[in-house]
PDB file of N, CA and C in Angstrom:
ATOM      1  N   MET A   1      75.115 -30.430 -33.128  1.00  0.00           N
ATOM      2  CA  MET A   1      75.838 -31.477 -32.426  1.00  0.00           C
ATOM      3  C   MET A   1      77.198 -31.673 -33.092  1.00  0.00           C
ATOM      4  N   GLU A   2      78.220 -31.751 -32.289  1.00  0.00           N
ATOM      5  CA  GLU A   2      79.589 -31.892 -32.774  1.00  0.00           C
ATOM      6  C   GLU A   2      79.973 -33.365 -32.896  1.00  0.00           C
ATOM      7  N   TRP A   3      80.748 -33.701 -33.920  1.00  0.00           N
ATOM      8  CA  TRP A   3      81.188 -35.076 -34.148  1.00  0.00           C
ATOM      9  C   TRP A   3      82.157 -35.512 -33.067  1.00  0.00           C
ATOM     10  N   ASP A   4      82.061 -36.773 -32.645  1.00  0.00           N
ATOM     11  CA  ASP A   4      82.920 -37.334 -31.606  1.00  0.00           C
ATOM     12  C   ASP A   4      83.688 -38.522 -32.182  1.00  0.00           C
ATOM     13  N   ASN A   5      84.998 -38.360 -32.391  1.00  0.00           N
ATOM     14  CA  ASN A   5      85.833 -39.425 -32.963  1.00  0.00           C
ATOM     15  C   ASN A   5      85.906 -40.671 -32.094  1.00  0.00           C
ATOM     16  N   SER A   6      85.555 -40.564 -30.822  1.00  0.00           N
ATOM     17  CA  SER A   6      85.678 -41.725 -29.938  1.00  0.00           C
ATOM     18  C   SER A   6      84.768 -42.879 -30.365  1.00  0.00           C
ATOM     19  N   VAL A   7      83.756 -42.627 -31.192  1.00  0.00           N
ATOM     20  CA  VAL A   7      82.923 -43.733 -31.680  1.00  0.00           C
ATOM     21  C   VAL A   7      83.769 -44.715 -32.493  1.00  0.00           C
ATOM     22  N   PHE A   8      84.814 -44.212 -33.144  1.00  0.00           N
ATOM     23  CA  PHE A   8      85.707 -45.103 -33.882  1.00  0.00           C
ATOM     24  C   PHE A   8      86.476 -46.005 -32.923  1.00  0.00           C
ATOM     25  N   ASN A   9      86.941 -45.443 -31.793  1.00  0.00           N
ATOM     26  CA  ASN A   9      87.674 -46.253 -30.812  1.00  0.00           C
ATOM     27  C   ASN A   9      86.825 -47.418 -30.335  1.00  0.00           C
ATOM     28  N   GLU A  10      85.550 -47.160 -30.048  1.00  0.00           N
ATOM     29  CA  GLU A  10      84.654 -48.224 -29.590  1.00  0.00           C
ATOM     30  C   GLU A  10      84.522 -49.306 -30.669  1.00  0.00           C
ATOM     31  N   ALA A  11      84.404 -48.893 -31.916  1.00  0.00           N
ATOM     32  CA  ALA A  11      84.293 -49.852 -33.014  1.00  0.00           C
ATOM     33  C   ALA A  11      85.586 -50.644 -33.181  1.00  0.00           C
ATOM     34  N   PHE A  12      86.734 -49.966 -33.128  1.00  0.00           N
ATOM     35  CA  PHE A  12      88.026 -50.646 -33.265  1.00  0.00           C
ATOM     36  C   PHE A  12      88.190 -51.693 -32.163  1.00  0.00           C
ATOM     37  N   ASP A  13      87.845 -51.298 -30.923  1.00  0.00           N
ATOM     38  CA  ASP A  13      87.993 -52.215 -29.793  1.00  0.00           C
ATOM     39  C   ASP A  13      87.050 -53.407 -29.907  1.00  0.00           C
ATOM     40  N   SER A  14      85.838 -53.176 -30.401  1.00  0.00           N
ATOM     41  CA  SER A  14      84.853 -54.254 -30.476  1.00  0.00           C
ATOM     42  C   SER A  14      85.259 -55.349 -31.463  1.00  0.00           C
ATOM     43  N   VAL A  15      86.110 -55.027 -32.431  1.00  0.00           N
ATOM     44  CA  VAL A  15      86.568 -56.039 -33.394  1.00  0.00           C
ATOM     45  C   VAL A  15      88.037 -56.414 -33.187  1.00  0.00           C
ATOM     46  N   GLY A  16      88.642 -55.952 -32.079  1.00  0.00           N
ATOM     47  CA  GLY A  16      89.995 -56.369 -31.723  1.00  0.00           C
ATOM     48  C   GLY A  16      91.119 -55.702 -32.490  1.00  0.00           C
ATOM     49  N   LEU A  17      90.868 -54.502 -33.022  1.00  0.00           N
ATOM     50  CA  LEU A  17      91.930 -53.814 -33.769  1.00  0.00           C
ATOM     51  C   LEU A  17      92.920 -53.078 -32.872  1.00  0.00           C
ATOM     52  N   ARG A  18      92.587 -52.917 -31.597  1.00  0.00           N
ATOM     53  CA  ARG A  18      93.514 -52.257 -30.671  1.00  0.00           C
ATOM     54  C   ARG A  18      93.798 -53.191 -29.504  1.00  0.00           C
ATOM     55  N   GLN A  19      94.932 -52.947 -28.850  1.00  0.00           N
ATOM     56  CA  GLN A  19      95.314 -53.752 -27.702  1.00  0.00           C
ATOM     57  C   GLN A  19      95.867 -52.842 -26.609  1.00  0.00           C
ATOM     58  N   PRO A  20      95.883 -53.327 -25.356  1.00  0.00           N
ATOM     59  CA  PRO A  20      96.352 -52.485 -24.255  1.00  0.00           C
ATOM     60  C   PRO A  20      97.864 -52.285 -24.277  1.00  0.00           C
ATOM     61  N   ALA A  21      98.263 -51.105 -23.825  1.00  0.00           N
ATOM     62  CA  ALA A  21      99.683 -50.765 -23.679  1.00  0.00           C
ATOM     63  C   ALA A  21      99.851 -50.021 -22.370  1.00  0.00           C
ATOM     64  N   LEU A  22     101.068 -50.012 -21.850  1.00  0.00           N
ATOM     65  CA  LEU A  22     101.388 -49.268 -20.638  1.00  0.00           C
ATOM     66  C   LEU A  22     102.495 -48.269 -20.937  1.00  0.00           C
ATOM     67  N   LEU A  23     102.273 -47.019 -20.574  1.00  0.00           N
ATOM     68  CA  LEU A  23     103.320 -46.014 -20.647  1.00  0.00           C
ATOM     69  C   LEU A  23     104.110 -46.114 -19.361  1.00  0.00           C
ATOM     70  N   LEU A  24     105.377 -46.521 -19.467  1.00  0.00           N
ATOM     71  CA  LEU A  24     106.233 -46.721 -18.301  1.00  0.00           C
ATOM     72  C   LEU A  24     106.891 -45.405 -17.894  1.00  0.00           C
ATOM     73  N   GLY A  25     107.432 -45.375 -16.687  1.00  0.00           N
ATOM     74  CA  GLY A  25     108.101 -44.170 -16.209  1.00  0.00           C
ATOM     75  C   GLY A  25     107.154 -43.206 -15.511  1.00  0.00           C
ATOM     76  N   THR A  26     105.920 -43.622 -15.318  1.00  0.00           N
ATOM     77  CA  THR A  26     104.954 -42.833 -14.555  1.00  0.00           C
ATOM     78  C   THR A  26     104.504 -43.697 -13.391  1.00  0.00           C
ATOM     79  N   GLU A  27     104.019 -43.089 -12.350  1.00  0.00           N
ATOM     80  CA  GLU A  27     103.573 -43.851 -11.185  1.00  0.00           C
ATOM     81  C   GLU A  27     102.137 -43.528 -10.886  1.00  0.00           C
ATOM     82  N   PRO A  28     101.201 -44.400 -11.106  1.00  0.00           N
ATOM     83  CA  PRO A  28     101.365 -45.718 -11.707  1.00  0.00           C
ATOM     84  C   PRO A  28     101.517 -45.597 -13.221  1.00  0.00           C
ATOM     85  N   PRO A  29     101.951 -46.663 -13.901  1.00  0.00           N
ATOM     86  CA  PRO A  29     102.032 -46.615 -15.362  1.00  0.00           C
ATOM     87  C   PRO A  29     100.659 -46.298 -15.963  1.00  0.00           C
ATOM     88  N   ILE A  30     100.650 -45.537 -17.049  1.00  0.00           N
ATOM     89  CA  ILE A  30      99.408 -45.145 -17.705  1.00  0.00           C
ATOM     90  C   ILE A  30      99.002 -46.231 -18.697  1.00  0.00           C
ATOM     91  N   SER A  31      97.783 -46.719 -18.555  1.00  0.00           N
ATOM     92  CA  SER A  31      97.250 -47.726 -19.459  1.00  0.00           C
ATOM     93  C   SER A  31      96.466 -47.033 -20.568  1.00  0.00           C
ATOM     94  N   PHE A  32      96.715 -47.439 -21.808  1.00  0.00           N
ATOM     95  CA  PHE A  32      95.981 -46.883 -22.940  1.00  0.00           C
ATOM     96  C   PHE A  32      95.933 -47.918 -24.055  1.00  0.00           C
ATOM     97  N   MET A  33      95.026 -47.726 -25.002  1.00  0.00           N
ATOM     98  CA  MET A  33      94.826 -48.673 -26.095  1.00  0.00           C
ATOM     99  C   MET A  33      95.571 -48.188 -27.334  1.00  0.00           C
ATOM    100  N   VAL A  34      96.157 -49.143 -28.072  1.00  0.00           N
ATOM    101  CA  VAL A  34      96.925 -48.802 -29.274  1.00  0.00           C
ATOM    102  C   VAL A  34      96.595 -49.750 -30.416  1.00  0.00           C
ATOM    103  N   ARG A  35      96.701 -49.224 -31.620  1.00  0.00           N
ATOM    104  CA  ARG A  35      96.751 -50.081 -32.808  1.00  0.00           C
ATOM    105  C   ARG A  35      98.235 -50.299 -33.045  1.00  0.00           C
ATOM    106  N   PHE A  36      98.682 -51.536 -33.037  1.00  0.00           N
ATOM    107  CA  PHE A  36     100.108 -51.852 -33.044  1.00  0.00           C
ATOM    108  C   PHE A  36     100.483 -52.518 -34.362  1.00  0.00           C
ATOM    109  N   ASP A  37     101.407 -51.903 -35.084  1.00  0.00           N
ATOM    110  CA  ASP A  37     101.939 -52.470 -36.328  1.00  0.00           C
ATOM    111  C   ASP A  37     103.338 -52.992 -36.065  1.00  0.00           C
ATOM    112  N   ARG A  38     103.563 -54.232 -36.488  1.00  0.00           N
ATOM    113  CA  ARG A  38     104.875 -54.858 -36.326  1.00  0.00           C
ATOM    114  C   ARG A  38     105.617 -54.854 -37.650  1.00  0.00           C
ATOM    115  N   PRO A  39     106.961 -54.934 -37.602  1.00  0.00           N
ATOM    116  CA  PRO A  39     107.736 -54.905 -38.844  1.00  0.00           C
ATOM    117  C   PRO A  39     107.391 -56.056 -39.775  1.00  0.00           C
ATOM    118  N   GLN A  40     107.401 -55.726 -41.018  1.00  0.00           N
ATOM    119  CA  GLN A  40     107.241 -56.735 -42.052  1.00  0.00           C
ATOM    120  C   GLN A  40     107.876 -56.205 -43.323  1.00  0.00           C
ATOM    121  N   ILE A  41     108.221 -57.113 -44.197  1.00  0.00           N
ATOM    122  CA  ILE A  41     108.778 -56.721 -45.490  1.00  0.00           C
ATOM    123  C   ILE A  41     107.854 -57.252 -46.562  1.00  0.00           C
ATOM    124  N   ILE A  42     107.483 -56.398 -47.460  1.00  0.00           N
ATOM    125  CA  ILE A  42     106.606 -56.767 -48.558  1.00  0.00           C
ATOM    126  C   ILE A  42     107.420 -56.645 -49.842  1.00  0.00           C
ATOM    127  N   ASP A  43     107.562 -57.758 -50.556  1.00  0.00           N
ATOM    128  CA  ASP A  43     108.331 -57.769 -51.792  1.00  0.00           C
ATOM    129  C   ASP A  43     107.363 -57.779 -52.966  1.00  0.00           C
ATOM    130  N   GLU A  44     107.360 -56.701 -53.716  1.00  0.00           N
ATOM    131  CA  GLU A  44     106.494 -56.600 -54.895  1.00  0.00           C
ATOM    132  C   GLU A  44     107.377 -56.520 -56.133  1.00  0.00           C
ATOM    133  N   GLY A  45     107.952 -57.658 -56.490  1.00  0.00           N
ATOM    134  CA  GLY A  45     108.864 -57.674 -57.631  1.00  0.00           C
ATOM    135  C   GLY A  45     110.160 -56.993 -57.255  1.00  0.00           C
ATOM    136  N   GLU A  46     110.462 -55.889 -57.917  1.00  0.00           N
ATOM    137  CA  GLU A  46     111.701 -55.155 -57.644  1.00  0.00           C
ATOM    138  C   GLU A  46     111.523 -54.086 -56.578  1.00  0.00           C
ATOM    139  N   MET A  47     110.280 -53.859 -56.125  1.00  0.00           N
ATOM    140  CA  MET A  47     110.027 -52.854 -55.101  1.00  0.00           C
ATOM    141  C   MET A  47     109.828 -53.546 -53.758  1.00  0.00           C
ATOM    142  N   VAL A  48     110.646 -53.188 -52.764  1.00  0.00           N
ATOM    143  CA  VAL A  48     110.538 -53.771 -51.432  1.00  0.00           C
ATOM    144  C   VAL A  48     110.101 -52.677 -50.475  1.00  0.00           C
ATOM    145  N   HIS A  49     109.051 -52.946 -49.711  1.00  0.00           N
ATOM    146  CA  HIS A  49     108.563 -52.001 -48.709  1.00  0.00           C
ATOM    147  C   HIS A  49     108.784 -52.630 -47.342  1.00  0.00           C
ATOM    148  N   SER A  50     109.205 -51.842 -46.376  1.00  0.00           N
ATOM    149  CA  SER A  50     109.326 -52.365 -45.017  1.00  0.00           C
ATOM    150  C   SER A  50     108.647 -51.400 -44.062  1.00  0.00           C
ATOM    151  N   THR A  51     108.215 -51.942 -42.927  1.00  0.00           N
ATOM    152  CA  THR A  51     107.591 -51.119 -41.913  1.00  0.00           C
ATOM    153  C   THR A  51     108.312 -51.323 -40.599  1.00  0.00           C
ATOM    154  N   ASP A  52     108.186 -50.369 -39.720  1.00  0.00           N
ATOM    155  CA  ASP A  52     108.783 -50.435 -38.390  1.00  0.00           C
ATOM    156  C   ASP A  52     107.696 -50.712 -37.365  1.00  0.00           C
ATOM    157  N   TYR A  53     108.102 -50.861 -36.103  1.00  0.00           N
ATOM    158  CA  TYR A  53     107.126 -50.919 -35.027  1.00  0.00           C
ATOM    159  C   TYR A  53     106.476 -49.546 -34.943  1.00  0.00           C
ATOM    160  N   GLU A  54     105.165 -49.521 -34.924  1.00  0.00           N
ATOM    161  CA  GLU A  54     104.452 -48.244 -34.866  1.00  0.00           C
ATOM    162  C   GLU A  54     103.148 -48.447 -34.095  1.00  0.00           C
ATOM    163  N   ILE A  55     102.805 -47.439 -33.303  1.00  0.00           N
ATOM    164  CA  ILE A  55     101.509 -47.456 -32.631  1.00  0.00           C
ATOM    165  C   ILE A  55     100.718 -46.224 -33.049  1.00  0.00           C
ATOM    166  N   GLU A  56      99.406 -46.396 -33.059  1.00  0.00           N
ATOM    167  CA  GLU A  56      98.487 -45.274 -33.224  1.00  0.00           C
ATOM    168  C   GLU A  56      97.573 -45.316 -32.010  1.00  0.00           C
ATOM    169  N   TYR A  57      97.357 -44.166 -31.385  1.00  0.00           N
ATOM    170  CA  TYR A  57      96.618 -44.106 -30.128  1.00  0.00           C
ATOM    171  C   TYR A  57      95.857 -42.794 -30.044  1.00  0.00           C
ATOM    172  N   THR A  58      94.867 -42.763 -29.164  1.00  0.00           N
ATOM    173  CA  THR A  58      94.130 -41.534 -28.902  1.00  0.00           C
ATOM    174  C   THR A  58      95.050 -40.605 -28.117  1.00  0.00           C
ATOM    175  N   THR A  59      95.349 -39.455 -28.673  1.00  0.00           N
ATOM    176  CA  THR A  59      96.329 -38.531 -28.097  1.00  0.00           C
ATOM    177  C   THR A  59      96.037 -38.214 -26.633  1.00  0.00           C
ATOM    178  N   ALA A  60      94.786 -37.970 -26.305  1.00  0.00           N
ATOM    179  CA  ALA A  60      94.413 -37.590 -24.933  1.00  0.00           C
ATOM    180  C   ALA A  60      94.624 -38.725 -23.932  1.00  0.00           C
ATOM    181  N   ASP A  61      94.705 -39.981 -24.402  1.00  0.00           N
ATOM    182  CA  ASP A  61      94.906 -41.116 -23.498  1.00  0.00           C
ATOM    183  C   ASP A  61      96.332 -41.206 -22.974  1.00  0.00           C
ATOM    184  N   ALA A  62      97.292 -40.675 -23.718  1.00  0.00           N
ATOM    185  CA  ALA A  62      98.706 -40.724 -23.306  1.00  0.00           C
ATOM    186  C   ALA A  62      99.400 -39.428 -23.738  1.00  0.00           C
ATOM    187  N   PRO A  63      98.962 -38.281 -23.201  1.00  0.00           N
ATOM    188  CA  PRO A  63      99.532 -37.001 -23.649  1.00  0.00           C
ATOM    189  C   PRO A  63     101.017 -36.836 -23.328  1.00  0.00           C
ATOM    190  N   SER A  64     101.527 -37.594 -22.345  1.00  0.00           N
ATOM    191  CA  SER A  64     102.947 -37.454 -21.988  1.00  0.00           C
ATOM    192  C   SER A  64     103.843 -38.421 -22.760  1.00  0.00           C
ATOM    193  N   LEU A  65     103.269 -39.199 -23.688  1.00  0.00           N
ATOM    194  CA  LEU A  65     104.104 -40.067 -24.524  1.00  0.00           C
ATOM    195  C   LEU A  65     104.969 -39.189 -25.408  1.00  0.00           C
ATOM    196  N   ASP A  66     106.273 -39.372 -25.347  1.00  0.00           N
ATOM    197  CA  ASP A  66     107.193 -38.507 -26.068  1.00  0.00           C
ATOM    198  C   ASP A  66     108.453 -39.287 -26.425  1.00  0.00           C
ATOM    199  N   TYR A  67     109.355 -38.629 -27.117  1.00  0.00           N
ATOM    200  CA  TYR A  67     110.631 -39.201 -27.546  1.00  0.00           C
ATOM    201  C   TYR A  67     111.357 -39.847 -26.365  1.00  0.00           C
ATOM    202  N   HIS A  68     111.812 -41.064 -26.558  1.00  0.00           N
ATOM    203  CA  HIS A  68     112.570 -41.886 -25.610  1.00  0.00           C
ATOM    204  C   HIS A  68     111.764 -42.429 -24.443  1.00  0.00           C
ATOM    205  N   LYS A  69     110.468 -42.173 -24.380  1.00  0.00           N
ATOM    206  CA  LYS A  69     109.639 -42.800 -23.346  1.00  0.00           C
ATOM    207  C   LYS A  69     109.504 -44.283 -23.681  1.00  0.00           C
ATOM    208  N   GLU A  70     109.250 -45.093 -22.654  1.00  0.00           N
ATOM    209  CA  GLU A  70     109.124 -46.531 -22.861  1.00  0.00           C
ATOM    210  C   GLU A  70     107.684 -46.983 -22.701  1.00  0.00           C
ATOM    211  N   VAL A  71     107.320 -47.973 -23.526  1.00  0.00           N
ATOM    212  CA  VAL A  71     105.967 -48.511 -23.575  1.00  0.00           C
ATOM    213  C   VAL A  71     106.053 -50.028 -23.485  1.00  0.00           C
ATOM    214  N   ASP A  72     105.146 -50.628 -22.738  1.00  0.00           N
ATOM    215  CA  ASP A  72     105.035 -52.083 -22.668  1.00  0.00           C
ATOM    216  C   ASP A  72     103.784 -52.498 -23.441  1.00  0.00           C
ATOM    217  N   ILE A  73     103.972 -53.366 -24.425  1.00  0.00           N
ATOM    218  CA  ILE A  73     102.854 -53.895 -25.205  1.00  0.00           C
ATOM    219  C   ILE A  73     102.972 -55.414 -25.176  1.00  0.00           C
ATOM    220  N   GLY A  74     102.028 -56.068 -24.551  1.00  0.00           N
ATOM    221  CA  GLY A  74     102.030 -57.533 -24.485  1.00  0.00           C
ATOM    222  C   GLY A  74     103.244 -58.106 -23.777  1.00  0.00           C
ATOM    223  N   GLY A  75     103.766 -57.396 -22.780  1.00  0.00           N
ATOM    224  CA  GLY A  75     104.925 -57.882 -22.032  1.00  0.00           C
ATOM    225  C   GLY A  75     106.270 -57.596 -22.675  1.00  0.00           C
ATOM    226  N   VAL A  76     106.279 -56.864 -23.781  1.00  0.00           N
ATOM    227  CA  VAL A  76     107.521 -56.499 -24.474  1.00  0.00           C
ATOM    228  C   VAL A  76     107.701 -54.986 -24.366  1.00  0.00           C
ATOM    229  N   ARG A  77     108.942 -54.585 -24.068  1.00  0.00           N
ATOM    230  CA  ARG A  77     109.237 -53.152 -23.906  1.00  0.00           C
ATOM    231  C   ARG A  77     109.728 -52.541 -25.215  1.00  0.00           C
ATOM    232  N   TYR A  78     109.252 -51.320 -25.465  1.00  0.00           N
ATOM    233  CA  TYR A  78     109.641 -50.545 -26.642  1.00  0.00           C
ATOM    234  C   TYR A  78     109.964 -49.128 -26.199  1.00  0.00           C
ATOM    235  N   ARG A  79     110.814 -48.460 -26.988  1.00  0.00           N
ATOM    236  CA  ARG A  79     111.135 -47.047 -26.732  1.00  0.00           C
ATOM    237  C   ARG A  79     110.692 -46.236 -27.940  1.00  0.00           C
ATOM    238  N   VAL A  80     110.136 -45.060 -27.679  1.00  0.00           N
ATOM    239  CA  VAL A  80     109.691 -44.168 -28.751  1.00  0.00           C
ATOM    240  C   VAL A  80     110.919 -43.621 -29.459  1.00  0.00           C
ATOM    241  N   ARG A  81     110.986 -43.816 -30.788  1.00  0.00           N
ATOM    242  CA  ARG A  81     112.165 -43.439 -31.583  1.00  0.00           C
ATOM    243  C   ARG A  81     112.188 -41.976 -32.001  1.00  0.00           C
ATOM    244  N   GLN A  82     111.041 -41.352 -32.063  1.00  0.00           N
ATOM    245  CA  GLN A  82     110.980 -39.938 -32.438  1.00  0.00           C
ATOM    246  C   GLN A  82     109.706 -39.346 -31.843  1.00  0.00           C
ATOM    247  N   LYS A  83     109.626 -38.051 -31.836  1.00  0.00           N
ATOM    248  CA  LYS A  83     108.456 -37.388 -31.275  1.00  0.00           C
ATOM    249  C   LYS A  83     107.197 -37.879 -31.993  1.00  0.00           C
ATOM    250  N   PRO A  84     106.150 -38.280 -31.237  1.00  0.00           N
ATOM    251  CA  PRO A  84     104.911 -38.719 -31.877  1.00  0.00           C
ATOM    252  C   PRO A  84     104.324 -37.630 -32.781  1.00  0.00           C
ATOM    253  N   ILE A  85     103.636 -38.068 -33.827  1.00  0.00           N
ATOM    254  CA  ILE A  85     103.089 -37.160 -34.829  1.00  0.00           C
ATOM    255  C   ILE A  85     101.563 -37.209 -34.761  1.00  0.00           C
ATOM    256  N   ALA A  86     100.937 -36.034 -34.700  1.00  0.00           N
ATOM    257  CA  ALA A  86      99.480 -35.954 -34.700  1.00  0.00           C
ATOM    258  C   ALA A  86      98.947 -36.359 -36.065  1.00  0.00           C
ATOM    259  N   VAL A  87      97.819 -37.060 -36.061  1.00  0.00           N
ATOM    260  CA  VAL A  87      97.162 -37.484 -37.287  1.00  0.00           C
ATOM    261  C   VAL A  87      95.915 -36.611 -37.473  1.00  0.00           C
ATOM    262  N   GLY A  88      95.770 -36.039 -38.655  1.00  0.00           N
ATOM    263  CA  GLY A  88      94.585 -35.229 -38.947  1.00  0.00           C
ATOM    264  C   GLY A  88      94.405 -34.089 -37.972  1.00  0.00           C
ATOM    265  N   ASP A  89      93.272 -34.079 -37.279  1.00  0.00           N
ATOM    266  CA  ASP A  89      92.965 -32.989 -36.345  1.00  0.00           C
ATOM    267  C   ASP A  89      93.643 -33.160 -34.986  1.00  0.00           C
ATOM    268  N   GLY A  90      94.440 -34.217 -34.820  1.00  0.00           N
ATOM    269  CA  GLY A  90      95.173 -34.434 -33.580  1.00  0.00           C
ATOM    270  C   GLY A  90      94.468 -35.329 -32.579  1.00  0.00           C
ATOM    271  N   PHE A  91      93.297 -35.848 -32.917  1.00  0.00           N
ATOM    272  CA  PHE A  91      92.605 -36.748 -32.001  1.00  0.00           C
ATOM    273  C   PHE A  91      93.439 -38.004 -31.782  1.00  0.00           C
ATOM    274  N   TRP A  92      94.063 -38.495 -32.844  1.00  0.00           N
ATOM    275  CA  TRP A  92      94.969 -39.638 -32.744  1.00  0.00           C
ATOM    276  C   TRP A  92      96.394 -39.174 -33.024  1.00  0.00           C
ATOM    277  N   SER A  93      97.358 -39.949 -32.544  1.00  0.00           N
ATOM    278  CA  SER A  93      98.775 -39.713 -32.811  1.00  0.00           C
ATOM    279  C   SER A  93      99.420 -41.035 -33.166  1.00  0.00           C
ATOM    280  N   ARG A  94     100.567 -40.937 -33.854  1.00  0.00           N
ATOM    281  CA  ARG A  94     101.374 -42.121 -34.197  1.00  0.00           C
ATOM    282  C   ARG A  94     102.760 -41.949 -33.619  1.00  0.00           C
ATOM    283  N   ALA A  95     103.335 -43.075 -33.202  1.00  0.00           N
ATOM    284  CA  ALA A  95     104.697 -43.058 -32.682  1.00  0.00           C
ATOM    285  C   ALA A  95     105.453 -44.269 -33.218  1.00  0.00           C
ATOM    286  N   LEU A  96     106.670 -44.032 -33.704  1.00  0.00           N
ATOM    287  CA  LEU A  96     107.561 -45.120 -34.134  1.00  0.00           C
ATOM    288  C   LEU A  96     108.297 -45.635 -32.906  1.00  0.00           C
ATOM    289  N   LEU A  97     108.457 -46.955 -32.838  1.00  0.00           N
ATOM    290  CA  LEU A  97     109.071 -47.590 -31.670  1.00  0.00           C
ATOM    291  C   LEU A  97     110.265 -48.439 -32.066  1.00  0.00           C
ATOM    292  N   GLU A  98     111.162 -48.658 -31.099  1.00  0.00           N
ATOM    293  CA  GLU A  98     112.213 -49.662 -31.245  1.00  0.00           C
ATOM    294  C   GLU A  98     112.050 -50.662 -30.123  1.00  0.00           C
ATOM    295  N   ARG A  99     112.245 -51.931 -30.450  1.00  0.00           N
ATOM    296  CA  ARG A  99     112.062 -52.992 -29.451  1.00  0.00           C
ATOM    297  C   ARG A  99     113.264 -53.043 -28.525  1.00  0.00           C
ATOM    298  N   LEU A 100     113.010 -53.139 -27.208  1.00  0.00           N
ATOM    299  CA  LEU A 100     114.068 -53.229 -26.215  1.00  0.00           C
ATOM    300  C   LEU A 100     114.226 -54.631 -25.675  1.00  0.00           C
ATOM    301  N   SER A 101     113.134 -55.369 -25.524  1.00  0.00           N
ATOM    302  CA  SER A 101     113.211 -56.731 -24.965  1.00  0.00           C
ATOM    303  C   SER A 101     112.254 -57.659 -25.668  1.00  0.00           C
TER     304      SER A 101
END
């Protein structure tokens, strides 16, 4: 029997770690679930870390998500800042976003 990573998606969704997103520019827009990270700055003494808008999603749920495509998350529009990057075996991907509205 082969391992199925989708069991993680079910677990993530059951505890609210992912939220719905829409890939715009398709008819109809493609709905998919994302783990959404928002910018924050962490100050650890003299070391400052910052994060950007980033989503992690199941690659097969939004295979046409690419550079400059637009995504709606919670009524706010974002644009993909660079080509999404596959994570591990490629079941999931990450994309950096910039906020548009």
